[in-house]
Amino acid sequence: MLEHRVKHLEDEVKEMRGDVRALRDDVAEMKGKISMLPGYPGLAVLMTLIGGALLTAARLFPPLP
């Protein structure tokens, strides 16, 4: 029974690694597109992405007591 649970956890970790790799690829692609934007619009998009990432992190990880 324990071996089955360990195997299940290993499979979940493999799936999460694939998700993280896909996320990194997407972020790299967005970074490349943002770097091609001139001046203020590029900065505005970058700040929006950073703000969204911080908001997401705040919702995923509750504050410590």
PDB file of N, CA and C in Angstrom:
ATOM      1  N   MET A   1       0.824  -1.189   0.000  1.00  0.00           N
ATOM      2  CA  MET A   1       0.000   0.000   0.000  1.00  0.00           C
ATOM      3  C   MET A   1       0.873   1.260   0.000  1.00  0.00           C
ATOM      4  N   LEU A   2       1.938   1.232   0.811  1.00  0.00           N
ATOM      5  CA  LEU A   2       2.831   2.377   0.876  1.00  0.00           C
ATOM      6  C   LEU A   2       3.518   2.607  -0.469  1.00  0.00           C
ATOM      7  N   GLU A   3       3.906   1.537  -1.139  1.00  0.00           N
ATOM      8  CA  GLU A   3       4.552   1.661  -2.452  1.00  0.00           C
ATOM      9  C   GLU A   3       3.611   2.322  -3.456  1.00  0.00           C
ATOM     10  N   HIS A   4       2.351   1.987  -3.378  1.00  0.00           N
ATOM     11  CA  HIS A   4       1.356   2.585  -4.281  1.00  0.00           C
ATOM     12  C   HIS A   4       1.251   4.089  -4.026  1.00  0.00           C
ATOM     13  N   ARG A   5       1.240   4.489  -2.767  1.00  0.00           N
ATOM     14  CA  ARG A   5       1.145   5.913  -2.426  1.00  0.00           C
ATOM     15  C   ARG A   5       2.384   6.672  -2.884  1.00  0.00           C
ATOM     16  N   VAL A   6       3.557   6.058  -2.709  1.00  0.00           N
ATOM     17  CA  VAL A   6       4.805   6.693  -3.145  1.00  0.00           C
ATOM     18  C   VAL A   6       4.798   6.846  -4.662  1.00  0.00           C
ATOM     19  N   LYS A   7       4.375   5.819  -5.366  1.00  0.00           N
ATOM     20  CA  LYS A   7       4.310   5.878  -6.829  1.00  0.00           C
ATOM     21  C   LYS A   7       3.362   6.986  -7.272  1.00  0.00           C
ATOM     22  N   HIS A   8       2.238   7.115  -6.597  1.00  0.00           N
ATOM     23  CA  HIS A   8       1.266   8.161  -6.919  1.00  0.00           C
ATOM     24  C   HIS A   8       1.885   9.547  -6.714  1.00  0.00           C
ATOM     25  N   LEU A   9       2.595   9.733  -5.610  1.00  0.00           N
ATOM     26  CA  LEU A   9       3.241  11.016  -5.345  1.00  0.00           C
ATOM     27  C   LEU A   9       4.335  11.314  -6.378  1.00  0.00           C
ATOM     28  N   GLU A  10       5.096  10.296  -6.763  1.00  0.00           N
ATOM     29  CA  GLU A  10       6.127  10.489  -7.785  1.00  0.00           C
ATOM     30  C   GLU A  10       5.510  10.923  -9.110  1.00  0.00           C
ATOM     31  N   ASP A  11       4.386  10.317  -9.461  1.00  0.00           N
ATOM     32  CA  ASP A  11       3.705  10.697 -10.704  1.00  0.00           C
ATOM     33  C   ASP A  11       3.217  12.142 -10.648  1.00  0.00           C
ATOM     34  N   GLU A  12       2.706  12.556  -9.492  1.00  0.00           N
ATOM     35  CA  GLU A  12       2.246  13.940  -9.344  1.00  0.00           C
ATOM     36  C   GLU A  12       3.404  14.922  -9.477  1.00  0.00           C
ATOM     37  N   VAL A  13       4.538  14.577  -8.901  1.00  0.00           N
ATOM     38  CA  VAL A  13       5.714  15.455  -8.988  1.00  0.00           C
ATOM     39  C   VAL A  13       6.179  15.561 -10.438  1.00  0.00           C
ATOM     40  N   LYS A  14       6.173  14.458 -11.162  1.00  0.00           N
ATOM     41  CA  LYS A  14       6.560  14.493 -12.581  1.00  0.00           C
ATOM     42  C   LYS A  14       5.622  15.411 -13.372  1.00  0.00           C
ATOM     43  N   GLU A  15       4.338  15.338 -13.070  1.00  0.00           N
ATOM     44  CA  GLU A  15       3.355  16.182 -13.749  1.00  0.00           C
ATOM     45  C   GLU A  15       3.593  17.655 -13.421  1.00  0.00           C
ATOM     46  N   MET A  16       3.891  17.953 -12.149  1.00  0.00           N
ATOM     47  CA  MET A  16       4.150  19.340 -11.763  1.00  0.00           C
ATOM     48  C   MET A  16       5.415  19.860 -12.435  1.00  0.00           C
ATOM     49  N   ARG A  17       6.429  19.018 -12.573  1.00  0.00           N
ATOM     50  CA  ARG A  17       7.663  19.447 -13.245  1.00  0.00           C
ATOM     51  C   ARG A  17       7.375  19.830 -14.688  1.00  0.00           C
ATOM     52  N   GLY A  18       6.534  19.054 -15.350  1.00  0.00           N
ATOM     53  CA  GLY A  18       6.158  19.386 -16.721  1.00  0.00           C
ATOM     54  C   GLY A  18       5.413  20.698 -16.787  1.00  0.00           C
ATOM     55  N   ASP A  19       4.527  20.934 -15.819  1.00  0.00           N
ATOM     56  CA  ASP A  19       3.790  22.200 -15.769  1.00  0.00           C
ATOM     57  C   ASP A  19       4.730  23.373 -15.543  1.00  0.00           C
ATOM     58  N   VAL A  20       5.711  23.188 -14.665  1.00  0.00           N
ATOM     59  CA  VAL A  20       6.660  24.268 -14.373  1.00  0.00           C
ATOM     60  C   VAL A  20       7.506  24.567 -15.603  1.00  0.00           C
ATOM     61  N   ARG A  21       7.924  23.525 -16.318  1.00  0.00           N
ATOM     62  CA  ARG A  21       8.708  23.745 -17.543  1.00  0.00           C
ATOM     63  C   ARG A  21       7.894  24.518 -18.581  1.00  0.00           C
ATOM     64  N   ALA A  22       6.632  24.157 -18.730  1.00  0.00           N
ATOM     65  CA  ALA A  22       5.773  24.864 -19.687  1.00  0.00           C
ATOM     66  C   ALA A  22       5.594  26.314 -19.253  1.00  0.00           C
ATOM     67  N   LEU A  23       5.435  26.544 -17.965  1.00  0.00           N
ATOM     68  CA  LEU A  23       5.287  27.903 -17.450  1.00  0.00           C
ATOM     69  C   LEU A  23       6.545  28.723 -17.701  1.00  0.00           C
ATOM     70  N   ARG A  24       7.708  28.114 -17.485  1.00  0.00           N
ATOM     71  CA  ARG A  24       8.971  28.824 -17.740  1.00  0.00           C
ATOM     72  C   ARG A  24       9.106  29.180 -19.211  1.00  0.00           C
ATOM     73  N   ASP A  25       8.715  28.279 -20.092  1.00  0.00           N
ATOM     74  CA  ASP A  25       8.769  28.569 -21.525  1.00  0.00           C
ATOM     75  C   ASP A  25       7.846  29.728 -21.880  1.00  0.00           C
ATOM     76  N   ASP A  26       6.649  29.727 -21.306  1.00  0.00           N
ATOM     77  CA  ASP A  26       5.695  30.812 -21.572  1.00  0.00           C
ATOM     78  C   ASP A  26       6.230  32.150 -21.068  1.00  0.00           C
ATOM     79  N   VAL A  27       6.825  32.145 -19.878  1.00  0.00           N
ATOM     80  CA  VAL A  27       7.372  33.374 -19.314  1.00  0.00           C
ATOM     81  C   VAL A  27       8.531  33.878 -20.172  1.00  0.00           C
ATOM     82  N   ALA A  28       9.370  32.981 -20.638  1.00  0.00           N
ATOM     83  CA  ALA A  28      10.486  33.384 -21.493  1.00  0.00           C
ATOM     84  C   ALA A  28       9.977  33.997 -22.796  1.00  0.00           C
ATOM     85  N   GLU A  29       8.920  33.412 -23.344  1.00  0.00           N
ATOM     86  CA  GLU A  29       8.343  33.954 -24.569  1.00  0.00           C
ATOM     87  C   GLU A  29       7.771  35.356 -24.331  1.00  0.00           C
ATOM     88  N   MET A  30       7.046  35.528 -23.217  1.00  0.00           N
ATOM     89  CA  MET A  30       6.493  36.851 -22.906  1.00  0.00           C
ATOM     90  C   MET A  30       7.604  37.865 -22.668  1.00  0.00           C
ATOM     91  N   LYS A  31       8.666  37.444 -21.995  1.00  0.00           N
ATOM     92  CA  LYS A  31       9.785  38.341 -21.732  1.00  0.00           C
ATOM     93  C   LYS A  31      10.400  38.815 -23.048  1.00  0.00           C
ATOM     94  N   GLY A  32      10.548  37.914 -24.002  1.00  0.00           N
ATOM     95  CA  GLY A  32      11.083  38.290 -25.303  1.00  0.00           C
ATOM     96  C   GLY A  32      10.187  39.277 -26.023  1.00  0.00           C
ATOM     97  N   LYS A  33       8.883  39.052 -25.952  1.00  0.00           N
ATOM     98  CA  LYS A  33       7.947  39.969 -26.612  1.00  0.00           C
ATOM     99  C   LYS A  33       7.943  41.334 -25.938  1.00  0.00           C
ATOM    100  N   ILE A  34       8.026  41.345 -24.605  1.00  0.00           N
ATOM    101  CA  ILE A  34       8.035  42.609 -23.877  1.00  0.00           C
ATOM    102  C   ILE A  34       9.306  43.391 -24.186  1.00  0.00           C
ATOM    103  N   SER A  35      10.419  42.688 -24.309  1.00  0.00           N
ATOM    104  CA  SER A  35      11.675  43.387 -24.572  1.00  0.00           C
ATOM    105  C   SER A  35      11.666  44.064 -25.938  1.00  0.00           C
ATOM    106  N   MET A  36      10.791  43.639 -26.836  1.00  0.00           N
ATOM    107  CA  MET A  36      10.706  44.261 -28.155  1.00  0.00           C
ATOM    108  C   MET A  36       9.811  45.501 -28.152  1.00  0.00           C
ATOM    109  N   LEU A  37       9.025  45.687 -27.089  1.00  0.00           N
ATOM    110  CA  LEU A  37       8.145  46.848 -27.018  1.00  0.00           C
ATOM    111  C   LEU A  37       8.954  48.107 -26.714  1.00  0.00           C
ATOM    112  N   PRO A  38       8.637  49.205 -27.356  1.00  0.00           N
ATOM    113  CA  PRO A  38       9.394  50.437 -27.104  1.00  0.00           C
ATOM    114  C   PRO A  38       8.901  51.182 -25.865  1.00  0.00           C
ATOM    115  N   GLY A  39       9.825  51.691 -25.081  1.00  0.00           N
ATOM    116  CA  GLY A  39       9.566  52.617 -23.993  1.00  0.00           C
ATOM    117  C   GLY A  39       8.451  52.285 -23.030  1.00  0.00           C
ATOM    118  N   TYR A  40       7.566  53.234 -22.819  1.00  0.00           N
ATOM    119  CA  TYR A  40       6.532  53.156 -21.790  1.00  0.00           C
ATOM    120  C   TYR A  40       5.600  51.951 -21.944  1.00  0.00           C
ATOM    121  N   PRO A  41       5.114  51.632 -23.145  1.00  0.00           N
ATOM    122  CA  PRO A  41       4.209  50.469 -23.225  1.00  0.00           C
ATOM    123  C   PRO A  41       4.855  49.186 -22.709  1.00  0.00           C
ATOM    124  N   GLY A  42       6.125  49.007 -23.005  1.00  0.00           N
ATOM    125  CA  GLY A  42       6.818  47.815 -22.507  1.00  0.00           C
ATOM    126  C   GLY A  42       6.898  47.801 -21.003  1.00  0.00           C
ATOM    127  N   LEU A  43       7.176  48.951 -20.421  1.00  0.00           N
ATOM    128  CA  LEU A  43       7.260  49.063 -18.970  1.00  0.00           C
ATOM    129  C   LEU A  43       5.892  48.816 -18.327  1.00  0.00           C
ATOM    130  N   ALA A  44       4.842  49.347 -18.942  1.00  0.00           N
ATOM    131  CA  ALA A  44       3.490  49.165 -18.398  1.00  0.00           C
ATOM    132  C   ALA A  44       3.092  47.689 -18.416  1.00  0.00           C
ATOM    133  N   VAL A  45       3.403  46.998 -19.493  1.00  0.00           N
ATOM    134  CA  VAL A  45       3.078  45.570 -19.584  1.00  0.00           C
ATOM    135  C   VAL A  45       3.878  44.790 -18.553  1.00  0.00           C
ATOM    136  N   LEU A  46       5.144  45.121 -18.407  1.00  0.00           N
ATOM    137  CA  LEU A  46       5.991  44.431 -17.439  1.00  0.00           C
ATOM    138  C   LEU A  46       5.476  44.626 -16.016  1.00  0.00           C
ATOM    139  N   MET A  47       5.094  45.838 -15.663  1.00  0.00           N
ATOM    140  CA  MET A  47       4.574  46.100 -14.325  1.00  0.00           C
ATOM    141  C   MET A  47       3.250  45.367 -14.094  1.00  0.00           C
ATOM    142  N   THR A  48       2.430  45.260 -15.119  1.00  0.00           N
ATOM    143  CA  THR A  48       1.173  44.531 -15.008  1.00  0.00           C
ATOM    144  C   THR A  48       1.430  43.051 -14.743  1.00  0.00           C
ATOM    145  N   LEU A  49       2.396  42.476 -15.450  1.00  0.00           N
ATOM    146  CA  LEU A  49       2.732  41.065 -15.244  1.00  0.00           C
ATOM    147  C   LEU A  49       3.288  40.821 -13.844  1.00  0.00           C
ATOM    148  N   ILE A  50       4.161  41.699 -13.401  1.00  0.00           N
ATOM    149  CA  ILE A  50       4.734  41.546 -12.059  1.00  0.00           C
ATOM    150  C   ILE A  50       3.638  41.678 -11.003  1.00  0.00           C
ATOM    151  N   GLY A  51       2.749  42.658 -11.173  1.00  0.00           N
ATOM    152  CA  GLY A  51       1.647  42.830 -10.233  1.00  0.00           C
ATOM    153  C   GLY A  51       0.737  41.610 -10.200  1.00  0.00           C
ATOM    154  N   GLY A  52       0.443  41.051 -11.361  1.00  0.00           N
ATOM    155  CA  GLY A  52      -0.385  39.853 -11.427  1.00  0.00           C
ATOM    156  C   GLY A  52       0.284  38.667 -10.755  1.00  0.00           C
ATOM    157  N   ALA A  53       1.600  38.543 -10.956  1.00  0.00           N
ATOM    158  CA  ALA A  53       2.332  37.445 -10.327  1.00  0.00           C
ATOM    159  C   ALA A  53       2.324  37.585  -8.805  1.00  0.00           C
ATOM    160  N   LEU A  54       2.507  38.813  -8.321  1.00  0.00           N
ATOM    161  CA  LEU A  54       2.481  39.027  -6.876  1.00  0.00           C
ATOM    162  C   LEU A  54       1.097  38.763  -6.291  1.00  0.00           C
ATOM    163  N   LEU A  55       0.057  39.160  -7.002  1.00  0.00           N
ATOM    164  CA  LEU A  55      -1.298  38.905  -6.536  1.00  0.00           C
ATOM    165  C   LEU A  55      -1.582  37.407  -6.485  1.00  0.00           C
ATOM    166  N   THR A  56      -1.153  36.695  -7.507  1.00  0.00           N
ATOM    167  CA  THR A  56      -1.337  35.242  -7.542  1.00  0.00           C
ATOM    168  C   THR A  56      -0.589  34.583  -6.392  1.00  0.00           C
ATOM    169  N   ALA A  57       0.654  34.999  -6.162  1.00  0.00           N
ATOM    170  CA  ALA A  57       1.444  34.422  -5.073  1.00  0.00           C
ATOM    171  C   ALA A  57       0.787  34.699  -3.724  1.00  0.00           C
ATOM    172  N   ALA A  58       0.233  35.900  -3.558  1.00  0.00           N
ATOM    173  CA  ALA A  58      -0.415  36.241  -2.297  1.00  0.00           C
ATOM    174  C   ALA A  58      -1.647  35.370  -2.047  1.00  0.00           C
ATOM    175  N   ARG A  59      -2.320  35.010  -3.112  1.00  0.00           N
ATOM    176  CA  ARG A  59      -3.516  34.167  -2.947  1.00  0.00           C
ATOM    177  C   ARG A  59      -3.154  32.707  -2.748  1.00  0.00           C
ATOM    178  N   LEU A  60      -2.048  32.258  -3.358  1.00  0.00           N
ATOM    179  CA  LEU A  60      -1.639  30.856  -3.221  1.00  0.00           C
ATOM    180  C   LEU A  60      -1.002  30.571  -1.869  1.00  0.00           C
ATOM    181  N   PHE A  61      -0.244  31.546  -1.357  1.00  0.00           N
ATOM    182  CA  PHE A  61       0.482  31.349  -0.105  1.00  0.00           C
ATOM    183  C   PHE A  61      -0.053  32.331   0.930  1.00  0.00           C
ATOM    184  N   PRO A  62      -0.861  31.848   1.856  1.00  0.00           N
ATOM    185  CA  PRO A  62      -1.431  32.745   2.870  1.00  0.00           C
ATOM    186  C   PRO A  62      -0.328  33.307   3.766  1.00  0.00           C
ATOM    187  N   PRO A  63      -0.553  34.481   4.345  1.00  0.00           N
ATOM    188  CA  PRO A  63       0.459  35.098   5.194  1.00  0.00           C
ATOM    189  C   PRO A  63       0.730  34.251   6.442  1.00  0.00           C
ATOM    190  N   LEU A  64       1.959  34.334   6.928  1.00  0.00           N
ATOM    191  CA  LEU A  64       2.319  33.596   8.125  1.00  0.00           C
ATOM    192  C   LEU A  64       1.774  34.319   9.354  1.00  0.00           C
ATOM    193  N   PRO A  65       1.408  33.553  10.390  1.00  0.00           N
ATOM    194  CA  PRO A  65       0.869  34.197  11.610  1.00  0.00           C
ATOM    195  C   PRO A  65       1.930  34.934  12.380  1.00  0.00           C
TER     196      PRO A  65
END
